[in-house]
Amino acid sequence: MIKKIISCLILLSVVFITGCTKKEKEDRDLLSVIKKRGELVVGVKFDSKPFGFIENGKLQGYDIDIAHLLAKRIFGNEKLVRFVEVNASNRISKLNSGEVDMLIATMTISPKRMEVVDFSLPYFYTGQAIMIRKGTDIKTVGDLNGRRVIVVLGTTGEKNIRYFAPDVVLTGYRTYQEGFEAFLQRRAQAMTSDDTILAGFVMDHPEFKILPQRYSQDAYAIAFRKDPQSASLKTEVNLALDELRRKGHLNLLKSRWMPAASDNFKESAGKK
């Protein structure tokens, strides 16, 4: 009798421990947490037209639309997403601190970043370019040697441009908007960034142009915290991105936010 009681207690203990372990995993799993919360929290840029920007008081752009599509997949309602402003300098810290669930913020995949965050499948391809004023004598990247060029801190642009123009004089700014304001004020002869970001500025300022050369081949991807709790969320996002690509929705977003009719922007996506 005593043996039977002991056996029952052991069995109950195993069931209890197994059940608790499963529940603890569910409680920590980020996708489960998001579903219970009823809201997806996404870090995006507010100053990176056409990916994330405010116009007429409304936050909009390619990255914003991606977030809404993910919310629709997870909840069946594209409106169940809250946006948190990030920039190139603070986005990884905001992700790893838990302030946001993921980053959809024109973030290129790089080996250094892969050490601290996980990435989804790419959702857009871009390349580093140079923006100048029309009429200047800057024709190639080599013409930047000895000249002042604006870069955004925390991006891959600084390292790339120094490789092609070792004697360039770089001036760094915290955000794209701050860098562009400095360019408007003629604090530099050129500005370098992803061609897609520069295209957003050129669309509104026809006095500028983007040089035709590209100095990198980069992929934008969604970033997640580098821990097991993010694994199921990453899988869900990858399935969503694959479906969006197969059904042509990503191409529709490109057509909406980066129309081929723009004389100032030559899209690099699909040519890498």
Foldseek 3Di string as FASTA:
>chain_A
DVVVVVVVVVVVVVVVVVVVVVVVLLCLQPLSVCVVVQAAEEEEAQQQPQQWHADPNDTHHLLLVLQLLLSCLSPVGSVRYHYDYDALVCPLVCQQVPVHAKYQYQDWDDPVVVVWWDWAPFLWKWFKWKKFFPPDPDADLCVQAPWEEEEEPNDPVVVQSCVVHVRHHYDYDPHPVVRVVCVVVVVTGMYMDILSRVVRVCVVPVRMAIHPDGRDMTTRTMIGGPDPSCVVVSVSSNVSSVVCVVVVVSVVSCCVRPNPPDPRGDGCTPVD
